[in-house]
Structure formats: C-alpha cells, structure tokens
C-alpha cells in the first residue's frame, strides 16, 4: 500500500519475532534500541501493533541504551487471538516473554489501550515490574472504578453487537 503524500517512511524495527508460549499460542513482538540494555516493554495503543513505537522513542532508546520490546496483544498482528478470563491473566504471558528474553526485572510503558494491560502486569508481577509509564491511558470500563459517562458509557450499548462480530 502506498504511503500518503507527505508522510515520511518509518524505519523498520531492529528485530521482529514471534514467541511461542507454553500453551501453544504465540506473541508477536518487535525490538528497538540496544539489544543489551535494560528491558522496557512497550504496550501499543488501540488500534496499533508492534511497530507502533514513535521515531522519537526509537532514537531515545538508542541514546539511553534501552532495549524496547513492543508486544502485540492477543488477536493483533502475529499474536494468537485469545480471550482472557480476566485481564490480569495477560501478566503470565508477559512474564513468559521476559523469561525468554532473559530478564528478571523490567519496565513497562504503555500508550492508550495498552494502559490497562500495563497496570495488570504491575499488579500481578510487583517483584518484576520496576516502573510503569502510561501515556494517554484508557480508564477502567468495568468494576467499581468504571468511568460512567461519555464515550465509555456509549460503548456499553454496542458491547453485545461487537461481541457477536468478534472472530472465533
């Protein structure tokens, strides 16, 4: 697909890979920055995918000696579609990825829809997640802390229809 006029080409990631999880599912990811640096997991926004890591972040990762790994959530890019029983189940997949990459402790940065996934990891893996940075993160849409107005409230009207359209 041709690039829109005036939009510069984006550099490809240093590495793109697929991790096969122990249960057979797979997680797609891309790497930026220093392969020997401290690990920062980047959780893309919605919509988005593993390459949704801004050029300024790519340059900063190089300059600061950080290994940034942008992980695709289930059903996005090369990651197997999967419905978790609870969002915090995502943390087990992230722990498996960090183990495969050889890191006991790591940082997480998340954009928009990646925010709840970052917080789920911080909650479930407090001994491993050093810090979390959220950029324009989504707010809770269920439970005691749910946002009750605006677009979030409107979206609840369409949940049934969207669930029916979800691919198996």
Protein backbone atom coordinates (compact mmCIF):
# COMPACT_ATOMS: atom_id res chain seq x y z
CA UNK A 1 0.00 0.00 0.00
CA UNK A 2 1.49 3.37 -0.97
CA UNK A 3 2.31 5.86 1.79
CA UNK A 4 0.14 9.01 1.88
CA UNK A 5 1.77 12.08 0.34
CA UNK A 6 3.91 13.94 2.88
CA UNK A 7 4.13 11.06 5.36
CA UNK A 8 7.76 10.00 5.84
CA UNK A 9 8.75 6.35 5.78
CA UNK A 10 9.16 4.75 9.19
CA UNK A 11 12.27 2.72 9.90
CA UNK A 12 11.67 -0.98 10.41
CA UNK A 13 12.30 -2.43 13.88
CA UNK A 14 15.75 -3.86 14.62
CA UNK A 15 14.14 -7.30 15.07
CA UNK A 16 10.64 -8.77 14.66
CA UNK A 17 9.92 -12.16 16.19
CA UNK A 18 7.22 -14.49 17.40
CA UNK A 19 7.37 -16.15 20.81
CA UNK A 20 5.57 -19.48 21.08
CA UNK A 21 4.02 -19.60 24.57
CA UNK A 22 3.99 -22.84 26.56
CA UNK A 23 0.29 -23.35 25.80
CA UNK A 24 0.94 -23.12 22.03
CA UNK A 25 -0.29 -19.57 21.47
CA UNK A 26 2.09 -17.02 20.04
CA UNK A 27 3.02 -13.41 20.80
CA UNK A 28 4.39 -11.16 18.08
CA UNK A 29 6.90 -8.52 19.07
CA UNK A 30 9.41 -6.04 17.68
CA UNK A 31 12.63 -4.78 19.21
CA UNK A 32 14.15 -1.31 19.16
CA UNK A 33 17.23 0.20 20.77
CA UNK A 34 20.16 -1.51 22.48
CA UNK A 35 19.91 -5.34 22.50
CA UNK A 36 21.97 -5.44 25.72
CA UNK A 37 20.17 -2.63 27.55
CA UNK A 38 17.62 -2.58 30.34
CA UNK A 39 14.31 -4.05 29.17
CA UNK A 40 11.35 -1.75 28.56
CA UNK A 41 8.19 -3.48 27.39
CA UNK A 42 6.06 -1.22 25.19
CA UNK A 43 2.32 -1.92 25.04
CA UNK A 44 0.87 -0.30 21.92
CA UNK A 45 -2.37 1.63 21.75
CA UNK A 46 -5.72 0.67 20.27
CA UNK A 47 -5.66 0.32 17.35
CA UNK A 48 -2.00 -0.43 16.99
CA UNK A 49 0.57 -3.19 16.68
CA UNK A 50 4.23 -4.00 17.37
CA UNK A 51 5.57 -1.25 15.09
CA UNK A 52 3.58 1.46 16.85
CA UNK A 53 6.60 2.88 18.63
CA UNK A 54 7.32 6.51 17.71
CA UNK A 55 10.55 7.57 15.98
CA UNK A 56 11.46 9.83 18.91
CA UNK A 57 11.15 6.80 21.22
CA UNK A 58 13.34 4.76 18.92
CA UNK A 59 16.05 7.43 18.99
CA UNK A 60 15.76 7.79 22.77
CA UNK A 61 16.08 4.02 23.27
CA UNK A 62 19.33 4.05 21.29
CA UNK A 63 20.70 7.10 23.11
CA UNK A 64 19.77 5.80 26.58
CA UNK A 65 20.88 2.22 25.96
CA UNK A 66 17.41 0.71 26.43
CA UNK A 67 16.08 -2.48 24.85
CA UNK A 68 12.47 -1.68 23.96
CA UNK A 69 10.29 -4.67 23.08
CA UNK A 70 6.90 -3.79 21.65
CA UNK A 71 4.49 -6.66 22.35
CA UNK A 72 1.34 -7.34 20.34
CA UNK A 73 -1.75 -8.16 22.36
CA UNK A 74 -3.86 -11.23 21.52
CA UNK A 75 -5.57 -11.06 18.15
CA UNK A 76 -3.27 -8.33 16.85
CA UNK A 77 -0.58 -8.84 14.23
CA UNK A 78 1.28 -12.09 14.81
CA UNK A 79 -0.28 -12.75 18.23
CA UNK A 80 -2.83 -15.53 18.52
CA UNK A 81 -6.36 -14.37 19.28
CA UNK A 82 -7.25 -15.21 22.86
CA UNK A 83 -9.90 -14.08 25.34
CA UNK A 84 -8.53 -13.97 28.89
CA UNK A 85 -10.81 -14.90 31.78
CA UNK A 86 -9.58 -11.73 33.50
CA UNK A 87 -7.23 -9.04 32.22
CA UNK A 88 -4.61 -9.88 34.84
CA UNK A 89 -4.05 -13.23 33.07
CA UNK A 90 -2.07 -11.22 30.48
CA UNK A 91 0.72 -10.88 33.06
CA UNK A 92 1.60 -14.59 32.80
CA UNK A 93 2.22 -14.18 29.05
CA UNK A 94 4.38 -11.12 29.71
CA UNK A 95 6.36 -12.98 32.39
CA UNK A 96 6.98 -15.79 29.92
CA UNK A 97 8.23 -13.28 27.33
CA UNK A 98 10.56 -11.59 29.86
CA UNK A 99 11.90 -15.01 30.87
CA UNK A 100 12.61 -15.91 27.23
CA UNK A 101 14.38 -12.58 26.75
CA UNK A 102 16.50 -13.28 29.85
CA UNK A 103 15.20 -10.55 32.18
CA UNK A 104 14.06 -10.92 35.77
CA UNK A 105 13.04 -7.27 36.15
CA UNK A 106 11.78 -4.78 33.58
CA UNK A 107 9.94 -1.52 32.99
CA UNK A 108 6.68 -1.04 31.13
CA UNK A 109 5.49 1.91 29.04
CA UNK A 110 2.01 1.89 27.53
CA UNK A 111 0.04 4.02 25.13
CA UNK A 112 -3.75 4.43 25.29
CA UNK A 113 -5.39 0.98 25.17
CA UNK A 114 -2.16 -0.63 26.35
CA UNK A 115 -2.52 1.10 29.75
CA UNK A 116 -4.84 -1.42 31.42
CA UNK A 117 -2.52 -4.24 30.31
CA UNK A 118 0.46 -2.44 31.86
CA UNK A 119 -1.39 -1.96 35.14
CA UNK A 120 -2.42 -5.64 35.14
CA UNK A 121 1.27 -6.60 34.91
CA UNK A 122 2.27 -4.19 37.68
CA UNK A 123 -0.45 -5.67 39.90
CA UNK A 124 0.40 -9.31 39.19
CA UNK A 125 4.20 -9.01 38.95
CA UNK A 126 5.19 -6.41 41.58
CA UNK A 127 8.55 -8.10 42.20
CA UNK A 128 9.42 -7.91 38.48
CA UNK A 129 7.92 -4.65 37.21
CA UNK A 130 10.25 -1.83 38.26
CA UNK A 131 8.07 1.04 36.99
CA UNK A 132 5.12 1.75 34.70
CA UNK A 133 4.61 4.79 32.49
CA UNK A 134 1.18 5.45 30.98
CA UNK A 135 0.60 7.78 28.04
CA UNK A 136 -3.00 8.82 27.39
CA UNK A 137 -4.19 5.61 29.00
CA UNK A 138 -7.70 4.25 28.88
CA UNK A 139 -9.78 4.35 32.05
CA UNK A 140 -11.46 1.34 33.66
CA UNK A 141 -14.68 0.36 31.88
CA UNK A 142 -15.92 -2.23 34.38
CA UNK A 143 -15.93 -2.75 38.12
CA UNK A 144 -16.06 -0.25 40.97
CA UNK A 145 -13.76 2.26 39.24
CA UNK A 146 -15.53 2.25 35.86
CA UNK A 147 -15.97 5.54 34.03
CA UNK A 148 -19.70 6.12 33.87
CA UNK A 149 -20.10 8.79 31.22
CA UNK A 150 -19.11 9.93 27.76
CA UNK A 151 -17.88 7.57 25.08
CA UNK A 152 -17.30 4.78 27.59
CA UNK A 153 -20.99 4.75 28.55
CA UNK A 154 -21.97 4.89 24.88
CA UNK A 155 -19.70 1.95 24.07
CA UNK A 156 -21.58 -0.28 26.54
CA UNK A 157 -24.63 -0.07 24.25
CA UNK A 158 -22.65 -1.78 21.48
CA UNK A 159 -20.87 -4.47 23.51
CA UNK A 160 -23.37 -7.18 22.58
CA UNK A 161 -23.16 -6.46 18.86
CA UNK A 162 -19.37 -6.19 18.94
CA UNK A 163 -19.07 -9.47 20.82
CA UNK A 164 -21.21 -11.19 18.22
CA UNK A 165 -18.92 -9.89 15.46
CA UNK A 166 -15.74 -11.00 17.25
CA UNK A 167 -13.96 -13.66 15.25
CA UNK A 168 -13.67 -17.11 16.93
